[in-house]
């Protein structure tokens, strides 16, 4: 518990102290955000707002976990787990891709950075590396960092092993690529209003911190009653999820309306990569659909808008993603953000109820 508190406190301090320093640096370098021309006209006043805030979020999560790992090593001799390193790799690699995209935007002085093809190739390479390492790297617990299958909670309801190990690995790589692409783009789409992505991510990672801690408390081989989980190093996953939630909380102090800094793709892609990796590491890939329900709604609204317009040349929403629809209906930006936070909170509560209900059912209680 002390290691968890250390991680949380370090992440909070890094974010609270580091964000204003980054704001000053970005101002000095003139790295301001360029606003999409087809977006709401009210957003044009945000042009020039410092971006790259995701750098601090990434740094806060890494330093928070590292300080916790150092404490455990010095007091108990515990070495860092590969499971934690892999999850952080997913976050940092996707964040680095986002950083390249953000840097391209400020260099070209426009709202478009990397090409769609370039971003897709980058995501494919990084997700494939993560997938392969998750299958081959040893873990302290002896349980795998990932399962070659699709899981709602814990055990796969569909295993990729039906046609042999080689096919299972190939299918797993494809599956991980889909998850990484889906969640990075989902949080990226949500990052359209001041504080929306940061606040929603904070709530989602609180949910994952609770899930991972419950799995740690009921880890297979422990003496706790009830169903136990064959998850690799869930305490590390708890600390990382908690650090991510706290980093978003600290960043929100400067990102709330009117934002003093944007997280940019550096932050949104990193958080999406972390969310996808947490779902894989905790064996809850399909529960994540509910846990990150707001991100799913944002993504689906964009898909529906584009698909329907291509078929009929008409729009379902005034503008997509759906948060812009409510803006154009006259809702103040702050009202949209707070209500969307409330929606995400409901999704997390539903996911936690389902997770606990599954444990009760499997425990026979």
Protein backbone atom coordinates (compact mmCIF):
# COMPACT_ATOMS: atom_id res chain seq x y z
CA UNK A 1 0.00 0.00 0.00
CA UNK A 2 2.90 2.37 0.76
CA UNK A 3 4.33 1.77 -2.73
CA UNK A 4 0.96 2.70 -4.23
CA UNK A 5 0.82 5.93 -2.22
CA UNK A 6 4.38 6.80 -3.26
CA UNK A 7 3.54 6.31 -6.92
CA UNK A 8 0.41 8.44 -6.63
CA UNK A 9 2.17 11.29 -4.81
CA UNK A 10 5.11 11.39 -7.21
CA UNK A 11 2.81 11.40 -10.25
CA UNK A 12 0.76 14.24 -8.78
CA UNK A 13 3.80 16.36 -7.94
CA UNK A 14 5.36 15.80 -11.37
CA UNK A 15 2.16 16.86 -13.11
CA UNK A 16 1.39 19.85 -10.90
CA UNK A 17 4.96 21.16 -11.03
CA UNK A 18 5.92 20.02 -14.53
CA UNK A 19 2.91 21.29 -16.48
CA UNK A 20 3.45 25.04 -15.85
CA UNK A 21 7.14 24.59 -16.70
CA UNK A 22 6.15 22.94 -19.97
CA UNK A 23 3.66 25.74 -20.69
CA UNK A 24 6.46 28.31 -20.37
CA UNK A 25 8.76 26.25 -22.60
CA UNK A 26 6.13 25.73 -25.29
CA UNK A 27 5.28 29.44 -25.23
CA UNK A 28 8.95 30.25 -25.67
CA UNK A 29 9.23 27.89 -28.64
CA UNK A 30 5.91 29.11 -30.12
CA UNK A 31 4.55 25.54 -30.22
CA UNK A 32 0.88 26.47 -30.19
CA UNK A 33 -2.09 24.36 -31.25
CA UNK A 34 -3.57 24.87 -34.73
CA UNK A 35 -7.35 24.49 -34.77
CA UNK A 36 -9.17 22.50 -37.47
CA UNK A 37 -10.94 24.90 -39.83
CA UNK A 38 -14.05 22.72 -40.16
CA UNK A 39 -14.62 22.62 -36.40
CA UNK A 40 -16.90 24.86 -34.33
CA UNK A 41 -16.09 28.53 -34.95
CA UNK A 42 -16.02 29.13 -31.19
CA UNK A 43 -12.84 27.03 -31.04
CA UNK A 44 -10.85 29.43 -33.22
CA UNK A 45 -10.07 31.53 -30.14
CA UNK A 46 -8.05 28.53 -28.85
CA UNK A 47 -5.55 28.87 -31.67
CA UNK A 48 -2.04 29.19 -30.29
CA UNK A 49 -2.80 27.48 -26.96
CA UNK A 50 0.31 25.51 -25.92
CA UNK A 51 0.21 21.82 -26.86
CA UNK A 52 2.39 18.75 -26.13
CA UNK A 53 0.98 18.56 -22.58
CA UNK A 54 0.98 14.78 -22.92
CA UNK A 55 4.74 14.87 -22.34
CA UNK A 56 4.12 15.65 -18.66
CA UNK A 57 1.41 12.99 -18.37
CA UNK A 58 3.76 10.34 -19.73
CA UNK A 59 6.59 11.51 -17.49
CA UNK A 60 4.36 11.55 -14.41
CA UNK A 61 3.17 7.96 -14.95
CA UNK A 62 6.70 6.65 -15.57
CA UNK A 63 8.30 8.48 -12.63
CA UNK A 64 5.40 7.53 -10.35
CA UNK A 65 5.79 3.84 -11.15
CA UNK A 66 9.62 4.01 -11.04
CA UNK A 67 9.59 5.59 -7.57
CA UNK A 68 7.21 2.88 -6.39
CA UNK A 69 9.36 0.15 -7.94
CA UNK A 70 12.50 1.65 -6.34
CA UNK A 71 10.85 1.66 -2.91
CA UNK A 72 9.86 -2.00 -3.26
CA UNK A 73 13.35 -2.93 -4.43
CA UNK A 74 15.06 -1.13 -1.53
CA UNK A 75 12.68 -2.43 1.15
CA UNK A 76 11.78 -5.90 -0.11
CA UNK A 77 14.28 -6.66 -2.85
CA UNK A 78 11.54 -6.90 -5.49
CA UNK A 79 12.71 -6.39 -9.06
CA UNK A 80 10.47 -4.58 -11.60
CA UNK A 81 8.14 -6.83 -13.57
CA UNK A 82 8.18 -7.22 -17.33
CA UNK A 83 4.39 -6.89 -17.27
CA UNK A 84 4.71 -3.32 -16.02
CA UNK A 85 7.49 -2.53 -18.48
CA UNK A 86 5.35 -3.80 -21.36
CA UNK A 87 2.34 -1.72 -20.35
CA UNK A 88 4.54 1.35 -20.04
CA UNK A 89 6.10 0.53 -23.42
CA UNK A 90 2.62 0.58 -24.98
CA UNK A 91 1.95 3.98 -23.45
CA UNK A 92 5.33 5.55 -24.27
CA UNK A 93 5.58 4.15 -27.80
CA UNK A 94 2.13 5.41 -28.75
CA UNK A 95 2.90 8.68 -26.99
CA UNK A 96 6.10 9.01 -29.03
CA UNK A 97 4.10 8.48 -32.23
CA UNK A 98 1.72 11.18 -31.04
CA UNK A 99 4.65 13.47 -30.28
CA UNK A 100 5.88 13.11 -33.88
CA UNK A 101 2.35 13.97 -35.07
CA UNK A 102 2.13 17.02 -32.77
CA UNK A 103 5.60 18.22 -33.75
CA UNK A 104 4.69 17.91 -37.44
CA UNK A 105 1.61 20.08 -36.83
CA UNK A 106 3.48 22.91 -35.17
CA UNK A 107 6.28 22.74 -37.72
CA UNK A 108 3.86 22.88 -40.66
CA UNK A 109 1.65 25.41 -38.81
CA UNK A 110 -1.56 23.49 -39.51
CA UNK A 111 -3.95 21.10 -37.76
CA UNK A 112 -2.82 18.06 -39.77
CA UNK A 113 0.38 16.26 -38.78
CA UNK A 114 1.28 12.74 -39.86
CA UNK A 115 -0.62 11.24 -42.76
CA UNK A 116 -3.21 8.58 -41.99
CA UNK A 117 -0.97 6.01 -43.68
CA UNK A 118 2.08 7.11 -41.71
CA UNK A 119 0.24 6.97 -38.39
CA UNK A 120 -1.23 3.54 -39.23
CA UNK A 121 2.18 2.10 -40.13
CA UNK A 122 3.65 3.47 -36.90
CA UNK A 123 0.83 2.00 -34.81
CA UNK A 124 1.14 -1.35 -36.58
CA UNK A 125 4.88 -1.64 -35.91
CA UNK A 126 4.65 -0.60 -32.26
CA UNK A 127 1.57 -2.73 -31.49
CA UNK A 128 3.19 -5.77 -33.13
CA UNK A 129 6.34 -5.33 -31.01
CA UNK A 130 4.20 -5.11 -27.88
CA UNK A 131 2.17 -8.19 -28.85
CA UNK A 132 5.21 -10.38 -29.52
CA UNK A 133 7.00 -9.29 -26.34
CA UNK A 134 3.86 -9.90 -24.27
CA UNK A 135 3.92 -13.54 -25.37
CA UNK A 136 7.64 -14.30 -25.03
CA UNK A 137 8.92 -12.31 -22.04
CA UNK A 138 8.96 -14.21 -18.72
CA UNK A 139 7.06 -12.85 -15.73
CA UNK A 140 7.73 -12.97 -11.99
CA UNK A 141 4.39 -14.58 -11.23
CA UNK A 142 4.66 -17.25 -13.89
CA UNK A 143 1.35 -16.15 -15.37
CA UNK A 144 1.47 -14.75 -18.94
CA UNK A 145 1.36 -11.00 -19.58
CA UNK A 146 -1.28 -11.71 -22.22
CA UNK A 147 -3.57 -14.50 -23.32
CA UNK A 148 -3.92 -15.68 -26.92
CA UNK A 149 -7.65 -15.17 -26.95
CA UNK A 150 -10.52 -12.76 -26.32
CA UNK A 151 -11.69 -12.26 -22.75
CA UNK A 152 -14.60 -10.52 -21.10
CA UNK A 153 -13.18 -11.13 -17.63
CA UNK A 154 -10.18 -13.38 -16.90
CA UNK A 155 -10.68 -16.54 -18.99
CA UNK A 156 -10.89 -16.32 -22.81
CA UNK A 157 -14.32 -17.04 -24.24
CA UNK A 158 -12.63 -17.47 -27.62
CA UNK A 159 -9.13 -18.94 -27.81
CA UNK A 160 -6.80 -18.40 -30.76
CA UNK A 161 -5.18 -21.79 -30.06
CA UNK A 162 -7.81 -23.70 -32.06
CA UNK A 163 -5.49 -24.03 -35.09
CA UNK A 164 -2.11 -24.35 -33.41
CA UNK A 165 0.42 -22.07 -31.78
CA UNK A 166 1.66 -20.29 -34.91
CA UNK A 167 -1.85 -19.32 -36.00
CA UNK A 168 -2.64 -18.26 -32.44
CA UNK A 169 0.33 -15.87 -32.40
CA UNK A 170 -0.64 -14.37 -35.76
CA UNK A 171 -4.26 -13.88 -34.65
CA UNK A 172 -3.10 -12.41 -31.35
CA UNK A 173 -0.91 -9.87 -33.15
CA UNK A 174 -3.88 -8.87 -35.32
CA UNK A 175 -6.10 -8.62 -32.24
CA UNK A 176 -3.61 -6.42 -30.37
CA UNK A 177 -3.24 -4.17 -33.41
CA UNK A 178 -7.00 -3.75 -33.53
CA UNK A 179 -7.20 -2.89 -29.81
CA UNK A 180 -4.31 -0.42 -29.95
CA UNK A 181 -5.66 1.31 -33.04
CA UNK A 182 -9.21 1.40 -31.69
CA UNK A 183 -8.41 2.81 -28.24
CA UNK A 184 -5.76 5.31 -29.36
CA UNK A 185 -8.14 6.73 -31.96
CA UNK A 186 -11.06 6.65 -29.51
CA UNK A 187 -9.34 8.79 -26.89
CA UNK A 188 -7.86 10.97 -29.63
CA UNK A 189 -11.37 11.69 -30.93
CA UNK A 190 -12.56 12.45 -27.40
CA UNK A 191 -9.83 15.06 -27.00
CA UNK A 192 -11.86 17.86 -28.58
CA UNK A 193 -13.02 19.99 -25.65
CA UNK A 194 -11.10 21.49 -22.73
CA UNK A 195 -10.71 18.78 -20.07
CA UNK A 196 -12.90 16.19 -21.79
CA UNK A 197 -10.24 13.57 -22.56
CA UNK A 198 -8.22 14.22 -19.39
CA UNK A 199 -11.22 13.99 -17.07
CA UNK A 200 -12.75 10.98 -18.81
CA UNK A 201 -9.40 9.17 -18.84
CA UNK A 202 -8.94 9.90 -15.15
CA UNK A 203 -12.29 8.25 -14.40
CA UNK A 204 -11.54 5.26 -16.65
CA UNK A 205 -8.13 4.61 -15.09
CA UNK A 206 -9.59 4.83 -11.59
CA UNK A 207 -11.81 1.96 -12.72
CA UNK A 208 -8.81 -0.02 -13.94
CA UNK A 209 -6.89 0.67 -10.73
CA UNK A 210 -9.78 -0.86 -8.75
CA UNK A 211 -10.00 -3.89 -11.06
CA UNK A 212 -6.24 -4.53 -11.00
CA UNK A 213 -6.11 -4.17 -7.21
CA UNK A 214 -8.96 -6.67 -6.81
CA UNK A 215 -7.08 -9.10 -9.05
CA UNK A 216 -3.96 -8.57 -6.93
CA UNK A 217 -5.90 -9.19 -3.72
CA UNK A 218 -7.36 -12.38 -5.23
CA UNK A 219 -4.33 -13.55 -7.18
CA UNK A 220 -4.16 -17.25 -7.95
CA UNK A 221 -2.09 -18.94 -5.26
CA UNK A 222 -3.11 -16.51 -2.52
CA UNK A 223 -5.03 -17.59 0.58
CA UNK A 224 -7.94 -15.24 0.00
CA UNK A 225 -11.33 -16.95 -0.40
CA UNK A 226 -13.30 -16.91 -3.61
CA UNK A 227 -12.35 -16.91 -7.27
CA UNK A 228 -8.69 -16.13 -8.02
CA UNK A 229 -7.10 -14.60 -11.11
CA UNK A 230 -4.16 -15.88 -13.17
CA UNK A 231 -2.93 -12.36 -13.97
CA UNK A 232 0.70 -11.32 -14.17
CA UNK A 233 1.85 -8.81 -11.54
CA UNK A 234 -1.47 -7.01 -10.92
CA UNK A 235 0.04 -4.81 -8.17
CA UNK A 236 2.23 -3.13 -10.78
CA UNK A 237 -0.82 -2.71 -13.01
CA UNK A 238 -2.70 -1.13 -10.09
CA UNK A 239 0.09 1.37 -9.50
CA UNK A 240 0.37 2.30 -13.19
CA UNK A 241 -3.40 2.78 -13.55
CA UNK A 242 -3.51 4.87 -10.37
CA UNK A 243 -0.55 6.98 -11.54
CA UNK A 244 -2.29 7.54 -14.89
CA UNK A 245 -5.48 8.64 -13.14
CA UNK A 246 -3.55 11.03 -10.88
CA UNK A 247 -1.51 12.38 -13.80
CA UNK A 248 -4.75 13.19 -15.63
CA UNK A 249 -6.11 14.76 -12.43
CA UNK A 250 -3.07 17.03 -12.08
CA UNK A 251 -3.07 17.90 -15.77
CA UNK A 252 -6.77 18.77 -15.55
CA UNK A 253 -5.88 21.70 -13.26
CA UNK A 254 -4.34 23.40 -16.31
CA UNK A 255 -6.46 21.77 -19.01
CA UNK A 256 -9.92 22.66 -17.68
CA UNK A 257 -11.84 25.37 -19.51
CA UNK A 258 -10.29 27.64 -20.61
CA UNK A 259 -7.33 25.34 -21.18
CA UNK A 260 -3.84 26.69 -20.53
CA UNK A 261 -2.39 23.72 -22.43
CA UNK A 262 -3.61 20.82 -24.57
CA UNK A 263 -2.39 17.24 -24.16
CA UNK A 264 -2.17 16.81 -27.94
CA UNK A 265 -1.72 13.45 -29.64
CA UNK A 266 1.28 12.94 -27.36
CA UNK A 267 -1.19 12.52 -24.52
CA UNK A 268 -4.26 11.05 -26.20
CA UNK A 269 -2.39 8.32 -28.10
CA UNK A 270 -0.36 7.46 -24.99
CA UNK A 271 -3.50 7.16 -22.86
CA UNK A 272 -5.18 5.08 -25.56
CA UNK A 273 -2.17 2.76 -25.76
CA UNK A 274 -2.12 2.43 -21.98
CA UNK A 275 -5.85 1.71 -21.84
CA UNK A 276 -5.53 -1.00 -24.50
CA UNK A 277 -2.53 -2.55 -22.74
CA UNK A 278 -4.35 -2.52 -19.38
CA UNK A 279 -7.28 -4.37 -20.94
CA UNK A 280 -4.91 -7.01 -22.30
CA UNK A 281 -2.83 -7.33 -19.12
CA UNK A 282 -5.88 -7.63 -16.83
CA UNK A 283 -7.63 -9.99 -19.29
CA UNK A 284 -10.65 -7.68 -19.66
CA UNK A 285 -10.60 -6.73 -23.34
CA UNK A 286 -14.37 -6.82 -23.74
CA UNK A 287 -15.17 -5.39 -20.31
CA UNK A 288 -13.06 -2.42 -21.47
CA UNK A 289 -15.79 -1.61 -24.00
CA UNK A 290 -18.07 -0.80 -21.07
CA UNK A 291 -15.34 0.69 -18.87
CA UNK A 292 -14.41 3.09 -21.68
CA UNK A 293 -17.99 3.51 -22.83
CA UNK A 294 -17.74 7.24 -23.48
CA UNK A 295 -14.79 6.72 -25.81
CA UNK A 296 -16.81 4.09 -27.68
CA UNK A 297 -19.73 6.50 -28.08
CA UNK A 298 -17.42 9.21 -29.41
CA UNK A 299 -15.89 6.81 -31.92
CA UNK A 300 -19.21 5.35 -33.06
CA UNK A 301 -20.67 8.83 -33.58
CA UNK A 302 -17.80 9.61 -35.95
CA UNK A 303 -18.16 6.30 -37.80
CA UNK A 304 -21.94 6.74 -38.14
CA UNK A 305 -21.57 10.33 -39.35
CA UNK A 306 -18.99 9.46 -42.02
CA UNK A 307 -20.75 6.28 -43.15
CA UNK A 308 -24.21 7.84 -43.34
CA UNK A 309 -22.90 10.90 -45.18
CA UNK A 310 -21.16 8.73 -47.79
CA UNK A 311 -24.39 6.81 -48.41
CA UNK A 312 -26.92 9.65 -48.35
CA UNK A 313 -24.93 12.94 -48.38
CA UNK A 314 -26.83 13.83 -45.22
CA UNK A 315 -25.66 14.15 -41.63
CA UNK A 316 -26.96 12.35 -38.54
CA UNK A 317 -25.29 14.84 -36.18
CA UNK A 318 -24.66 18.56 -36.59
CA UNK A 319 -20.98 17.70 -36.29
CA UNK A 320 -18.96 14.66 -35.21
CA UNK A 321 -17.60 13.50 -32.82
CA UNK A 322 -20.78 13.82 -30.81
CA UNK A 323 -19.47 16.38 -28.28
CA UNK A 324 -19.42 18.94 -31.11
CA UNK A 325 -23.05 18.08 -31.90
CA UNK A 326 -24.15 19.24 -28.45
CA UNK A 327 -21.94 22.33 -28.71
CA UNK A 328 -23.72 23.34 -31.91
CA UNK A 329 -27.07 22.67 -30.21
CA UNK A 330 -26.19 25.50 -27.85
CA UNK A 331 -24.76 23.68 -24.84
CA UNK A 332 -21.88 25.59 -23.22
CA UNK A 333 -18.58 23.74 -23.54
CA UNK A 334 -18.27 23.26 -19.76
CA UNK A 335 -21.75 21.69 -19.60
CA UNK A 336 -20.89 19.21 -22.38
CA UNK A 337 -17.64 18.23 -20.64
CA UNK A 338 -19.15 17.75 -17.16
CA UNK A 339 -22.11 15.76 -18.48
CA UNK A 340 -19.82 13.56 -20.54
CA UNK A 341 -17.69 12.98 -17.41
CA UNK A 342 -20.88 11.87 -15.66
CA UNK A 343 -21.67 9.48 -18.50
CA UNK A 344 -18.18 7.97 -18.31
CA UNK A 345 -18.57 7.65 -14.54
CA UNK A 346 -21.76 5.67 -15.04
CA UNK A 347 -20.02 3.37 -17.52
CA UNK A 348 -17.19 2.73 -15.04
CA UNK A 349 -19.68 1.97 -12.26
CA UNK A 350 -21.53 -0.49 -14.51
CA UNK A 351 -18.24 -2.16 -15.45
CA UNK A 352 -17.22 -2.49 -11.79
CA UNK A 353 -20.60 -3.96 -10.87
CA UNK A 354 -20.26 -6.51 -13.69
CA UNK A 355 -16.69 -7.30 -12.65
CA UNK A 356 -17.66 -7.83 -9.02
CA UNK A 357 -20.78 -9.76 -10.01
CA UNK A 358 -18.64 -12.08 -12.13
CA UNK A 359 -16.33 -12.67 -9.14
CA UNK A 360 -19.28 -13.43 -6.85
CA UNK A 361 -20.78 -15.83 -9.41
CA UNK A 362 -17.48 -17.66 -9.98
CA UNK A 363 -16.84 -17.79 -6.26
CA UNK A 364 -20.20 -19.45 -5.66
CA UNK A 365 -21.08 -16.93 -2.98
